[in-house]
Amino acid sequence: MDNRRSFKGFVDDDSNFALDDRQAFLEFVKRFKGREVEVTVREWKRQRTLNQNRYWHAVPVKILAEECGYTHSQMHYALLGECFGYTEGPSGKPVPVKPSSSELNVGEFQKLIDWVLDWAPSELHCVIPAPTDPRAQQLMEEA
């Protein structure tokens, strides 16, 4: 049983809070009846779009994985580290600061895409077609 879920809502000018799906929230919290809970509130940021994600995996990651001889997952992970930087992992080896693209919002994902379009030609001498390029569209259709 997953004991964590996010619910979107809105706080108006008088600090009144309303949930977008109150019924789903009430249904979810039933599982905590009689127990203490922790509530976290933060500004909502739109997650990456499906088109951004589709392009990322079908075009830059696919092309660069083939070019570098990596698996798709290895290339994806490496690119996240190259773009956003590394931190020291538990064994002292570097791990990406942002190890998963699913946690990126639209702006961060766009930064990743823009970065790889500049980085790949300069560092790997590999040109990646932009999202609007017909070659990119074809790769996305094939994926």
Foldseek 3Di string as FASTA:
>chain_A
DDLDDDWDWDQDPVRDIDTPCVPVVVVNCVVQPPHDDDDDDDDDFAAADPLLVLLVQLWLLVVVCVLVVHDSLVSVQVLQCVQQHWDQDPVRDTGRPDRDSRPHGHVRSVSSLVVSQVCCCVPVVDHTDHCVDVVSVVSSVVD
